[in-house]
Amino acid sequence: MKDMIVSGGENVFSAEVESVISTHPDVAAVAVIGIPSNQWGESVHAIIIPKPGTNPDEASIIAHCKAHIAGYKCPRSITLRSEPFPMSGAGKVLKRELRAPYWDGQSRSVH
């Protein structure tokens, strides 16, 4: 359930956005999470590990998304990351660990 982001009353499934971003030629790995937004409740945020030797920019990633999915599903912000994602014993990305710094200090984990 937490892999669903509610942004402005619209449901955005992170797996759908991750699937689109992963087809970008400069992206090695991606995780999509919801981060706090005063305007929308939650905002779509992508954390990307670039392929070696590449440096994708936020504008090209967002343009790539807009060509494949609805605008409200596209990330509003992107973070590039060089270290691997935290993984569970089953090999799944631990998104709660990726979300934690953004929601720290919030009274609840959704706006």
PDB file of N, CA and C in Angstrom:
ATOM      1  N   MET A   1       0.821  -1.194   0.000  1.00  0.00           N
ATOM      2  CA  MET A   1       0.000   0.000   0.000  1.00  0.00           C
ATOM      3  C   MET A   1       0.866   1.260   0.000  1.00  0.00           C
ATOM      4  N   LYS A   2       1.996   1.262   0.697  1.00  0.00           N
ATOM      5  CA  LYS A   2       2.833   2.447   0.770  1.00  0.00           C
ATOM      6  C   LYS A   2       3.518   2.719  -0.562  1.00  0.00           C
ATOM      7  N   ASP A   3       3.490   1.761  -1.476  1.00  0.00           N
ATOM      8  CA  ASP A   3       4.050   2.005  -2.799  1.00  0.00           C
ATOM      9  C   ASP A   3       3.077   2.795  -3.675  1.00  0.00           C
ATOM     10  N   MET A   4       1.944   3.173  -3.089  1.00  0.00           N
ATOM     11  CA  MET A   4       1.023   4.055  -3.784  1.00  0.00           C
ATOM     12  C   MET A   4       1.208   5.455  -3.197  1.00  0.00           C
ATOM     13  N   ILE A   5       1.372   6.415  -4.079  1.00  0.00           N
ATOM     14  CA  ILE A   5       1.556   7.809  -3.688  1.00  0.00           C
ATOM     15  C   ILE A   5       0.249   8.535  -4.005  1.00  0.00           C
ATOM     16  N   VAL A   6      -0.280   9.262  -3.043  1.00  0.00           N
ATOM     17  CA  VAL A   6      -1.488  10.042  -3.271  1.00  0.00           C
ATOM     18  C   VAL A   6      -1.055  11.494  -3.415  1.00  0.00           C
ATOM     19  N   SER A   7      -1.116  11.986  -4.636  1.00  0.00           N
ATOM     20  CA  SER A   7      -0.671  13.340  -4.940  1.00  0.00           C
ATOM     21  C   SER A   7      -1.832  14.135  -5.521  1.00  0.00           C
ATOM     22  N   GLY A   8      -2.307  15.110  -4.755  1.00  0.00           N
ATOM     23  CA  GLY A   8      -3.424  15.926  -5.225  1.00  0.00           C
ATOM     24  C   GLY A   8      -4.686  15.120  -5.453  1.00  0.00           C
ATOM     25  N   GLY A   9      -4.893  14.075  -4.677  1.00  0.00           N
ATOM     26  CA  GLY A   9      -6.080  13.236  -4.815  1.00  0.00           C
ATOM     27  C   GLY A   9      -5.965  12.165  -5.887  1.00  0.00           C
ATOM     28  N   GLU A  10      -4.857  12.124  -6.599  1.00  0.00           N
ATOM     29  CA  GLU A  10      -4.630  11.116  -7.642  1.00  0.00           C
ATOM     30  C   GLU A  10      -3.720  10.011  -7.106  1.00  0.00           C
ATOM     31  N   ASN A  11      -4.026   8.776  -7.434  1.00  0.00           N
ATOM     32  CA  ASN A  11      -3.190   7.651  -7.026  1.00  0.00           C
ATOM     33  C   ASN A  11      -2.089   7.423  -8.053  1.00  0.00           C
ATOM     34  N   VAL A  12      -0.862   7.369  -7.570  1.00  0.00           N
ATOM     35  CA  VAL A  12       0.286   7.112  -8.434  1.00  0.00           C
ATOM     36  C   VAL A  12       0.993   5.881  -7.882  1.00  0.00           C
ATOM     37  N   PHE A  13       1.103   4.846  -8.698  1.00  0.00           N
ATOM     38  CA  PHE A  13       1.790   3.631  -8.268  1.00  0.00           C
ATOM     39  C   PHE A  13       3.261   3.737  -8.637  1.00  0.00           C
ATOM     40  N   SER A  14       4.120   3.621  -7.635  1.00  0.00           N
ATOM     41  CA  SER A  14       5.549   3.808  -7.852  1.00  0.00           C
ATOM     42  C   SER A  14       6.104   2.818  -8.871  1.00  0.00           C
ATOM     43  N   ALA A  15       5.582   1.598  -8.910  1.00  0.00           N
ATOM     44  CA  ALA A  15       6.088   0.598  -9.851  1.00  0.00           C
ATOM     45  C   ALA A  15       5.900   1.044 -11.301  1.00  0.00           C
ATOM     46  N   GLU A  16       4.796   1.719 -11.593  1.00  0.00           N
ATOM     47  CA  GLU A  16       4.548   2.203 -12.955  1.00  0.00           C
ATOM     48  C   GLU A  16       5.569   3.270 -13.343  1.00  0.00           C
ATOM     49  N   VAL A  17       5.829   4.196 -12.426  1.00  0.00           N
ATOM     50  CA  VAL A  17       6.785   5.270 -12.700  1.00  0.00           C
ATOM     51  C   VAL A  17       8.199   4.699 -12.803  1.00  0.00           C
ATOM     52  N   GLU A  18       8.538   3.757 -11.920  1.00  0.00           N
ATOM     53  CA  GLU A  18       9.855   3.112 -11.965  1.00  0.00           C
ATOM     54  C   GLU A  18      10.068   2.382 -13.284  1.00  0.00           C
ATOM     55  N   SER A  19       9.017   1.735 -13.776  1.00  0.00           N
ATOM     56  CA  SER A  19       9.111   1.005 -15.038  1.00  0.00           C
ATOM     57  C   SER A  19       9.467   1.940 -16.191  1.00  0.00           C
ATOM     58  N   VAL A  20       8.863   3.109 -16.225  1.00  0.00           N
ATOM     59  CA  VAL A  20       9.140   4.079 -17.286  1.00  0.00           C
ATOM     60  C   VAL A  20      10.548   4.649 -17.146  1.00  0.00           C
ATOM     61  N   ILE A  21      10.913   5.063 -15.929  1.00  0.00           N
ATOM     62  CA  ILE A  21      12.234   5.670 -15.724  1.00  0.00           C
ATOM     63  C   ILE A  21      13.346   4.668 -16.019  1.00  0.00           C
ATOM     64  N   SER A  22      13.124   3.405 -15.713  1.00  0.00           N
ATOM     65  CA  SER A  22      14.162   2.387 -15.940  1.00  0.00           C
ATOM     66  C   SER A  22      14.488   2.200 -17.419  1.00  0.00           C
ATOM     67  N   THR A  23      13.617   2.667 -18.308  1.00  0.00           N
ATOM     68  CA  THR A  23      13.901   2.549 -19.746  1.00  0.00           C
ATOM     69  C   THR A  23      14.748   3.708 -20.264  1.00  0.00           C
ATOM     70  N   HIS A  24      15.006   4.706 -19.427  1.00  0.00           N
ATOM     71  CA  HIS A  24      15.874   5.821 -19.830  1.00  0.00           C
ATOM     72  C   HIS A  24      17.291   5.278 -20.002  1.00  0.00           C
ATOM     73  N   PRO A  25      18.002   5.637 -21.064  1.00  0.00           N
ATOM     74  CA  PRO A  25      19.314   5.038 -21.342  1.00  0.00           C
ATOM     75  C   PRO A  25      20.405   5.324 -20.299  1.00  0.00           C
ATOM     76  N   ASP A  26      20.236   6.344 -19.456  1.00  0.00           N
ATOM     77  CA  ASP A  26      21.264   6.676 -18.466  1.00  0.00           C
ATOM     78  C   ASP A  26      20.979   6.125 -17.071  1.00  0.00           C
ATOM     79  N   VAL A  27      19.890   5.367 -16.918  1.00  0.00           N
ATOM     80  CA  VAL A  27      19.464   4.916 -15.594  1.00  0.00           C
ATOM     81  C   VAL A  27      19.816   3.443 -15.375  1.00  0.00           C
ATOM     82  N   ALA A  28      20.577   3.182 -14.301  1.00  0.00           N
ATOM     83  CA  ALA A  28      20.912   1.805 -13.922  1.00  0.00           C
ATOM     84  C   ALA A  28      19.864   1.231 -12.979  1.00  0.00           C
ATOM     85  N   ALA A  29      19.405   2.045 -12.022  1.00  0.00           N
ATOM     86  CA  ALA A  29      18.397   1.602 -11.047  1.00  0.00           C
ATOM     87  C   ALA A  29      17.595   2.811 -10.595  1.00  0.00           C
ATOM     88  N   VAL A  30      16.352   2.550 -10.188  1.00  0.00           N
ATOM     89  CA  VAL A  30      15.477   3.654  -9.750  1.00  0.00           C
ATOM     90  C   VAL A  30      14.541   3.164  -8.660  1.00  0.00           C
ATOM     91  N   ALA A  31      14.240   4.062  -7.731  1.00  0.00           N
ATOM     92  CA  ALA A  31      13.209   3.835  -6.724  1.00  0.00           C
ATOM     93  C   ALA A  31      12.371   5.109  -6.672  1.00  0.00           C
ATOM     94  N   VAL A  32      11.062   4.955  -6.674  1.00  0.00           N
ATOM     95  CA  VAL A  32      10.156   6.096  -6.637  1.00  0.00           C
ATOM     96  C   VAL A  32       9.409   6.067  -5.308  1.00  0.00           C
ATOM     97  N   ILE A  33       9.406   7.215  -4.628  1.00  0.00           N
ATOM     98  CA  ILE A  33       8.763   7.332  -3.318  1.00  0.00           C
ATOM     99  C   ILE A  33       7.908   8.595  -3.278  1.00  0.00           C
ATOM    100  N   GLY A  34       7.057   8.676  -2.278  1.00  0.00           N
ATOM    101  CA  GLY A  34       6.302   9.891  -2.030  1.00  0.00           C
ATOM    102  C   GLY A  34       6.985  10.693  -0.945  1.00  0.00           C
ATOM    103  N   ILE A  35       7.139  11.995  -1.182  1.00  0.00           N
ATOM    104  CA  ILE A  35       7.727  12.879  -0.181  1.00  0.00           C
ATOM    105  C   ILE A  35       6.705  13.956   0.175  1.00  0.00           C
ATOM    106  N   PRO A  36       6.834  14.595   1.342  1.00  0.00           N
ATOM    107  CA  PRO A  36       5.835  15.578   1.758  1.00  0.00           C
ATOM    108  C   PRO A  36       5.722  16.759   0.795  1.00  0.00           C
ATOM    109  N   SER A  37       4.496  17.194   0.573  1.00  0.00           N
ATOM    110  CA  SER A  37       4.228  18.374  -0.242  1.00  0.00           C
ATOM    111  C   SER A  37       3.087  19.134   0.407  1.00  0.00           C
ATOM    112  N   ASN A  38       3.314  20.403   0.719  1.00  0.00           N
ATOM    113  CA  ASN A  38       2.246  21.209   1.318  1.00  0.00           C
ATOM    114  C   ASN A  38       1.096  21.410   0.348  1.00  0.00           C
ATOM    115  N   GLN A  39       1.398  21.460  -0.946  1.00  0.00           N
ATOM    116  CA  GLN A  39       0.368  21.699  -1.947  1.00  0.00           C
ATOM    117  C   GLN A  39      -0.403  20.433  -2.312  1.00  0.00           C
ATOM    118  N   TRP A  40       0.303  19.307  -2.486  1.00  0.00           N
ATOM    119  CA  TRP A  40      -0.312  18.091  -3.032  1.00  0.00           C
ATOM    120  C   TRP A  40      -0.469  16.963  -2.014  1.00  0.00           C
ATOM    121  N   GLY A  41      -0.019  17.126  -0.798  1.00  0.00           N
ATOM    122  CA  GLY A  41      -0.048  16.041   0.184  1.00  0.00           C
ATOM    123  C   GLY A  41       1.234  15.231   0.092  1.00  0.00           C
ATOM    124  N   GLU A  42       1.391  14.572  -1.030  1.00  0.00           N
ATOM    125  CA  GLU A  42       2.635  13.874  -1.349  1.00  0.00           C
ATOM    126  C   GLU A  42       3.060  14.283  -2.749  1.00  0.00           C
ATOM    127  N   SER A  43       4.346  14.257  -2.981  1.00  0.00           N
ATOM    128  CA  SER A  43       4.899  14.573  -4.292  1.00  0.00           C
ATOM    129  C   SER A  43       5.720  13.377  -4.759  1.00  0.00           C
ATOM    130  N   VAL A  44       5.659  13.086  -6.045  1.00  0.00           N
ATOM    131  CA  VAL A  44       6.415  11.964  -6.607  1.00  0.00           C
ATOM    132  C   VAL A  44       7.890  12.350  -6.686  1.00  0.00           C
ATOM    133  N   HIS A  45       8.747  11.510  -6.098  1.00  0.00           N
ATOM    134  CA  HIS A  45      10.193  11.755  -6.069  1.00  0.00           C
ATOM    135  C   HIS A  45      10.914  10.498  -6.543  1.00  0.00           C
ATOM    136  N   ALA A  46      11.854  10.656  -7.467  1.00  0.00           N
ATOM    137  CA  ALA A  46      12.632   9.525  -7.985  1.00  0.00           C
ATOM    138  C   ALA A  46      14.058   9.600  -7.461  1.00  0.00           C
ATOM    139  N   ILE A  47      14.542   8.465  -6.995  1.00  0.00           N
ATOM    140  CA  ILE A  47      15.938   8.343  -6.589  1.00  0.00           C
ATOM    141  C   ILE A  47      16.580   7.427  -7.619  1.00  0.00           C
ATOM    142  N   ILE A  48      17.609   7.947  -8.287  1.00  0.00           N
ATOM    143  CA  ILE A  48      18.188   7.259  -9.444  1.00  0.00           C
ATOM    144  C   ILE A  48      19.664   6.966  -9.229  1.00  0.00           C
ATOM    145  N   ILE A  49      20.053   5.753  -9.580  1.00  0.00           N
ATOM    146  CA  ILE A  49      21.465   5.385  -9.662  1.00  0.00           C
ATOM    147  C   ILE A  49      21.801   5.384 -11.155  1.00  0.00           C
ATOM    148  N   PRO A  50      22.642   6.334 -11.602  1.00  0.00           N
ATOM    149  CA  PRO A  50      22.967   6.414 -13.028  1.00  0.00           C
ATOM    150  C   PRO A  50      23.882   5.271 -13.475  1.00  0.00           C
ATOM    151  N   LYS A  51      23.819   4.968 -14.759  1.00  0.00           N
ATOM    152  CA  LYS A  51      24.766   4.010 -15.329  1.00  0.00           C
ATOM    153  C   LYS A  51      26.161   4.618 -15.258  1.00  0.00           C
ATOM    154  N   PRO A  52      27.185   3.785 -15.098  1.00  0.00           N
ATOM    155  CA  PRO A  52      28.559   4.311 -15.028  1.00  0.00           C
ATOM    156  C   PRO A  52      28.894   5.162 -16.250  1.00  0.00           C
ATOM    157  N   GLY A  53      29.521   6.299 -15.994  1.00  0.00           N
ATOM    158  CA  GLY A  53      29.937   7.176 -17.080  1.00  0.00           C
ATOM    159  C   GLY A  53      28.850   8.101 -17.595  1.00  0.00           C
ATOM    160  N   THR A  54      27.671   8.074 -16.967  1.00  0.00           N
ATOM    161  CA  THR A  54      26.593   8.963 -17.404  1.00  0.00           C
ATOM    162  C   THR A  54      26.245   9.934 -16.282  1.00  0.00           C
ATOM    163  N   ASN A  55      25.585  10.999 -16.644  1.00  0.00           N
ATOM    164  CA  ASN A  55      25.144  11.988 -15.673  1.00  0.00           C
ATOM    165  C   ASN A  55      23.778  12.520 -16.117  1.00  0.00           C
ATOM    166  N   PRO A  56      22.713  11.727 -15.888  1.00  0.00           N
ATOM    167  CA  PRO A  56      21.395  12.165 -16.350  1.00  0.00           C
ATOM    168  C   PRO A  56      20.949  13.426 -15.611  1.00  0.00           C
ATOM    169  N   ASP A  57      20.260  14.305 -16.322  1.00  0.00           N
ATOM    170  CA  ASP A  57      19.767  15.509 -15.667  1.00  0.00           C
ATOM    171  C   ASP A  57      18.263  15.376 -15.438  1.00  0.00           C
ATOM    172  N   GLU A  58      17.786  16.127 -14.469  1.00  0.00           N
ATOM    173  CA  GLU A  58      16.387  16.057 -14.059  1.00  0.00           C
ATOM    174  C   GLU A  58      15.439  16.326 -15.227  1.00  0.00           C
ATOM    175  N   ALA A  59      15.755  17.307 -16.050  1.00  0.00           N
ATOM    176  CA  ALA A  59      14.881  17.670 -17.167  1.00  0.00           C
ATOM    177  C   ALA A  59      14.718  16.524 -18.169  1.00  0.00           C
ATOM    178  N   SER A  60      15.798  15.813 -18.471  1.00  0.00           N
ATOM    179  CA  SER A  60      15.691  14.715 -19.447  1.00  0.00           C
ATOM    180  C   SER A  60      14.895  13.539 -18.881  1.00  0.00           C
ATOM    181  N   ILE A  61      15.035  13.276 -17.599  1.00  0.00           N
ATOM    182  CA  ILE A  61      14.267  12.189 -16.966  1.00  0.00           C
ATOM    183  C   ILE A  61      12.779  12.541 -16.970  1.00  0.00           C
ATOM    184  N   ILE A  62      12.450  13.765 -16.585  1.00  0.00           N
ATOM    185  CA  ILE A  62      11.043  14.179 -16.541  1.00  0.00           C
ATOM    186  C   ILE A  62      10.442  14.203 -17.942  1.00  0.00           C
ATOM    187  N   ALA A  63      11.181  14.683 -18.928  1.00  0.00           N
ATOM    188  CA  ALA A  63      10.697  14.680 -20.315  1.00  0.00           C
ATOM    189  C   ALA A  63      10.449  13.257 -20.793  1.00  0.00           C
ATOM    190  N   HIS A  64      11.344  12.344 -20.434  1.00  0.00           N
ATOM    191  CA  HIS A  64      11.177  10.928 -20.791  1.00  0.00           C
ATOM    192  C   HIS A  64       9.875  10.389 -20.185  1.00  0.00           C
ATOM    193  N   CYS A  65       9.617  10.735 -18.935  1.00  0.00           N
ATOM    194  CA  CYS A  65       8.390  10.279 -18.268  1.00  0.00           C
ATOM    195  C   CYS A  65       7.150  10.856 -18.938  1.00  0.00           C
ATOM    196  N   LYS A  66       7.182  12.155 -19.229  1.00  0.00           N
ATOM    197  CA  LYS A  66       6.014  12.804 -19.832  1.00  0.00           C
ATOM    198  C   LYS A  66       5.670  12.227 -21.198  1.00  0.00           C
ATOM    199  N   ALA A  67       6.654  11.639 -21.869  1.00  0.00           N
ATOM    200  CA  ALA A  67       6.405  11.019 -23.169  1.00  0.00           C
ATOM    201  C   ALA A  67       5.701   9.672 -23.031  1.00  0.00           C
ATOM    202  N   HIS A  68       5.704   9.096 -21.807  1.00  0.00           N
ATOM    203  CA  HIS A  68       5.171   7.749 -21.629  1.00  0.00           C
ATOM    204  C   HIS A  68       4.018   7.620 -20.639  1.00  0.00           C
ATOM    205  N   ILE A  69       3.909   8.549 -19.689  1.00  0.00           N
ATOM    206  CA  ILE A  69       2.837   8.467 -18.694  1.00  0.00           C
ATOM    207  C   ILE A  69       2.231   9.860 -18.469  1.00  0.00           C
ATOM    208  N   ALA A  70       1.106   9.888 -17.778  1.00  0.00           N
ATOM    209  CA  ALA A  70       0.422  11.153 -17.496  1.00  0.00           C
ATOM    210  C   ALA A  70       1.310  12.084 -16.670  1.00  0.00           C
ATOM    211  N   GLY A  71       1.156  13.369 -16.884  1.00  0.00           N
ATOM    212  CA  GLY A  71       1.985  14.365 -16.228  1.00  0.00           C
ATOM    213  C   GLY A  71       1.955  14.306 -14.709  1.00  0.00           C
ATOM    214  N   TYR A  72       0.782  14.017 -14.119  1.00  0.00           N
ATOM    215  CA  TYR A  72       0.694  13.987 -12.661  1.00  0.00           C
ATOM    216  C   TYR A  72       1.469  12.808 -12.054  1.00  0.00           C
ATOM    217  N   LYS A  73       1.816  11.821 -12.873  1.00  0.00           N
ATOM    218  CA  LYS A  73       2.583  10.669 -12.392  1.00  0.00           C
ATOM    219  C   LYS A  73       4.092  10.899 -12.472  1.00  0.00           C
ATOM    220  N   CYS A  74       4.504  11.903 -13.203  1.00  0.00           N
ATOM    221  CA  CYS A  74       5.927  12.180 -13.386  1.00  0.00           C
ATOM    222  C   CYS A  74       6.546  12.726 -12.106  1.00  0.00           C
ATOM    223  N   PRO A  75       7.816  12.411 -11.866  1.00  0.00           N
ATOM    224  CA  PRO A  75       8.467  12.935 -10.662  1.00  0.00           C
ATOM    225  C   PRO A  75       8.524  14.457 -10.676  1.00  0.00           C
ATOM    226  N   ARG A  76       8.320  15.046  -9.523  1.00  0.00           N
ATOM    227  CA  ARG A  76       8.458  16.494  -9.348  1.00  0.00           C
ATOM    228  C   ARG A  76       9.898  16.832  -8.967  1.00  0.00           C
ATOM    229  N   SER A  77      10.608  15.828  -8.454  1.00  0.00           N
ATOM    230  CA  SER A  77      12.007  16.013  -8.065  1.00  0.00           C
ATOM    231  C   SER A  77      12.750  14.697  -8.224  1.00  0.00           C
ATOM    232  N   ILE A  78      14.076  14.831  -8.374  1.00  0.00           N
ATOM    233  CA  ILE A  78      14.930  13.665  -8.604  1.00  0.00           C
ATOM    234  C   ILE A  78      16.209  13.830  -7.805  1.00  0.00           C
ATOM    235  N   THR A  79      16.658  12.729  -7.218  1.00  0.00           N
ATOM    236  CA  THR A  79      17.950  12.694  -6.537  1.00  0.00           C
ATOM    237  C   THR A  79      18.810  11.657  -7.223  1.00  0.00           C
ATOM    238  N   LEU A  80      20.044  12.028  -7.556  1.00  0.00           N
ATOM    239  CA  LEU A  80      20.999  11.055  -8.092  1.00  0.00           C
ATOM    240  C   LEU A  80      21.781  10.479  -6.920  1.00  0.00           C
ATOM    241  N   ARG A  81      22.039   9.203  -6.980  1.00  0.00           N
ATOM    242  CA  ARG A  81      22.679   8.493  -5.874  1.00  0.00           C
ATOM    243  C   ARG A  81      23.746   7.571  -6.442  1.00  0.00           C
ATOM    244  N   SER A  82      24.909   7.548  -5.797  1.00  0.00           N
ATOM    245  CA  SER A  82      25.980   6.676  -6.282  1.00  0.00           C
ATOM    246  C   SER A  82      26.030   5.351  -5.524  1.00  0.00           C
ATOM    247  N   GLU A  83      25.614   5.347  -4.267  1.00  0.00           N
ATOM    248  CA  GLU A  83      25.662   4.105  -3.486  1.00  0.00           C
ATOM    249  C   GLU A  83      24.430   3.245  -3.771  1.00  0.00           C
ATOM    250  N   PRO A  84      24.550   1.930  -3.598  1.00  0.00           N
ATOM    251  CA  PRO A  84      23.428   1.034  -3.871  1.00  0.00           C
ATOM    252  C   PRO A  84      22.247   1.307  -2.926  1.00  0.00           C
ATOM    253  N   PHE A  85      21.066   0.908  -3.352  1.00  0.00           N
ATOM    254  CA  PHE A  85      19.878   1.042  -2.520  1.00  0.00           C
ATOM    255  C   PHE A  85      19.950   0.065  -1.348  1.00  0.00           C
ATOM    256  N   PRO A  86      19.354   0.424  -0.194  1.00  0.00           N
ATOM    257  CA  PRO A  86      19.263  -0.546   0.899  1.00  0.00           C
ATOM    258  C   PRO A  86      18.320  -1.672   0.467  1.00  0.00           C
ATOM    259  N   MET A  87      18.726  -2.894   0.702  1.00  0.00           N
ATOM    260  CA  MET A  87      17.943  -4.046   0.247  1.00  0.00           C
ATOM    261  C   MET A  87      17.551  -4.939   1.426  1.00  0.00           C
ATOM    262  N   SER A  88      16.409  -5.596   1.286  1.00  0.00           N
ATOM    263  CA  SER A  88      15.968  -6.574   2.278  1.00  0.00           C
ATOM    264  C   SER A  88      16.654  -7.903   1.984  1.00  0.00           C
ATOM    265  N   GLY A  89      16.498  -8.848   2.872  1.00  0.00           N
ATOM    266  CA  GLY A  89      17.049 -10.184   2.660  1.00  0.00           C
ATOM    267  C   GLY A  89      16.461 -10.860   1.432  1.00  0.00           C
ATOM    268  N   ALA A  90      15.255 -10.441   1.054  1.00  0.00           N
ATOM    269  CA  ALA A  90      14.589 -11.010  -0.124  1.00  0.00           C
ATOM    270  C   ALA A  90      14.983 -10.293  -1.405  1.00  0.00           C
ATOM    271  N   GLY A  91      15.863  -9.282  -1.290  1.00  0.00           N
ATOM    272  CA  GLY A  91      16.335  -8.585  -2.478  1.00  0.00           C
ATOM    273  C   GLY A  91      15.458  -7.436  -2.942  1.00  0.00           C
ATOM    274  N   LYS A  92      14.556  -6.951  -2.070  1.00  0.00           N
ATOM    275  CA  LYS A  92      13.699  -5.818  -2.424  1.00  0.00           C
ATOM    276  C   LYS A  92      14.288  -4.534  -1.848  1.00  0.00           C
ATOM    277  N   VAL A  93      14.082  -3.430  -2.564  1.00  0.00           N
ATOM    278  CA  VAL A  93      14.546  -2.124  -2.099  1.00  0.00           C
ATOM    279  C   VAL A  93      13.741  -1.739  -0.850  1.00  0.00           C
ATOM    280  N   LEU A  94      14.443  -1.318   0.189  1.00  0.00           N
ATOM    281  CA  LEU A  94      13.788  -0.894   1.426  1.00  0.00           C
ATOM    282  C   LEU A  94      13.405   0.584   1.303  1.00  0.00           C
ATOM    283  N   LYS A  95      12.235   0.813   0.733  1.00  0.00           N
ATOM    284  CA  LYS A  95      11.792   2.177   0.476  1.00  0.00           C
ATOM    285  C   LYS A  95      11.544   2.952   1.756  1.00  0.00           C
ATOM    286  N   ARG A  96      11.195   2.278   2.835  1.00  0.00           N
ATOM    287  CA  ARG A  96      10.973   3.002   4.095  1.00  0.00           C
ATOM    288  C   ARG A  96      12.249   3.700   4.533  1.00  0.00           C
ATOM    289  N   GLU A  97      13.415   3.087   4.243  1.00  0.00           N
ATOM    290  CA  GLU A  97      14.689   3.722   4.572  1.00  0.00           C
ATOM    291  C   GLU A  97      14.979   4.902   3.642  1.00  0.00           C
ATOM    292  N   LEU A  98      14.542   4.806   2.404  1.00  0.00           N
ATOM    293  CA  LEU A  98      14.725   5.917   1.466  1.00  0.00           C
ATOM    294  C   LEU A  98      13.785   7.081   1.798  1.00  0.00           C
ATOM    295  N   ARG A  99      12.569   6.756   2.285  1.00  0.00           N
ATOM    296  CA  ARG A  99      11.588   7.785   2.643  1.00  0.00           C
ATOM    297  C   ARG A  99      11.921   8.501   3.945  1.00  0.00           C
ATOM    298  N   ALA A 100      12.554   7.799   4.884  1.00  0.00           N
ATOM    299  CA  ALA A 100      12.749   8.305   6.247  1.00  0.00           C
ATOM    300  C   ALA A 100      13.312   9.727   6.324  1.00  0.00           C
ATOM    301  N   PRO A 101      14.387  10.075   5.600  1.00  0.00           N
ATOM    302  CA  PRO A 101      14.921  11.439   5.750  1.00  0.00           C
ATOM    303  C   PRO A 101      13.946  12.540   5.321  1.00  0.00           C
ATOM    304  N   TYR A 102      13.081  12.235   4.377  1.00  0.00           N
ATOM    305  CA  TYR A 102      12.138  13.229   3.876  1.00  0.00           C
ATOM    306  C   TYR A 102      10.980  13.452   4.852  1.00  0.00           C
ATOM    307  N   TRP A 103      10.591  12.396   5.571  1.00  0.00           N
ATOM    308  CA  TRP A 103       9.455  12.472   6.476  1.00  0.00           C
ATOM    309  C   TRP A 103       9.876  12.745   7.915  1.00  0.00           C
ATOM    310  N   ASP A 104      11.187  12.818   8.180  1.00  0.00           N
ATOM    311  CA  ASP A 104      11.676  13.088   9.528  1.00  0.00           C
ATOM    312  C   ASP A 104      11.130  14.440  10.011  1.00  0.00           C
ATOM    313  N   GLY A 105      10.585  14.446  11.198  1.00  0.00           N
ATOM    314  CA  GLY A 105      10.033  15.679  11.752  1.00  0.00           C
ATOM    315  C   GLY A 105       8.576  15.919  11.392  1.00  0.00           C
ATOM    316  N   GLN A 106       8.005  15.089  10.538  1.00  0.00           N
ATOM    317  CA  GLN A 106       6.593  15.218  10.185  1.00  0.00           C
ATOM    318  C   GLN A 106       5.754  14.508  11.257  1.00  0.00           C
ATOM    319  N   SER A 107       4.585  15.032  11.544  1.00  0.00           N
ATOM    320  CA  SER A 107       3.745  14.423  12.557  1.00  0.00           C
ATOM    321  C   SER A 107       3.158  13.089  12.094  1.00  0.00           C
ATOM    322  N   ARG A 108       3.077  12.890  10.800  1.00  0.00           N
ATOM    323  CA  ARG A 108       2.598  11.610  10.249  1.00  0.00           C
ATOM    324  C   ARG A 108       3.269  11.380   8.909  1.00  0.00           C
ATOM    325  N   SER A 109       3.153  10.164   8.386  1.00  0.00           N
ATOM    326  CA  SER A 109       3.904   9.843   7.184  1.00  0.00           C
ATOM    327  C   SER A 109       3.156  10.125   5.880  1.00  0.00           C
ATOM    328  N   VAL A 110       2.004  10.759   5.972  1.00  0.00           N
ATOM    329  CA  VAL A 110       1.322  11.285   4.795  1.00  0.00           C
ATOM    330  C   VAL A 110       0.816  12.665   5.141  1.00  0.00           C
ATOM    331  N   HIS A 111       0.681  13.508   4.168  1.00  0.00           N
ATOM    332  CA  HIS A 111       0.232  14.876   4.419  1.00  0.00           C
ATOM    333  C   HIS A 111      -1.259  14.995   4.231  1.00  0.00           C
TER     334      HIS A 111
END
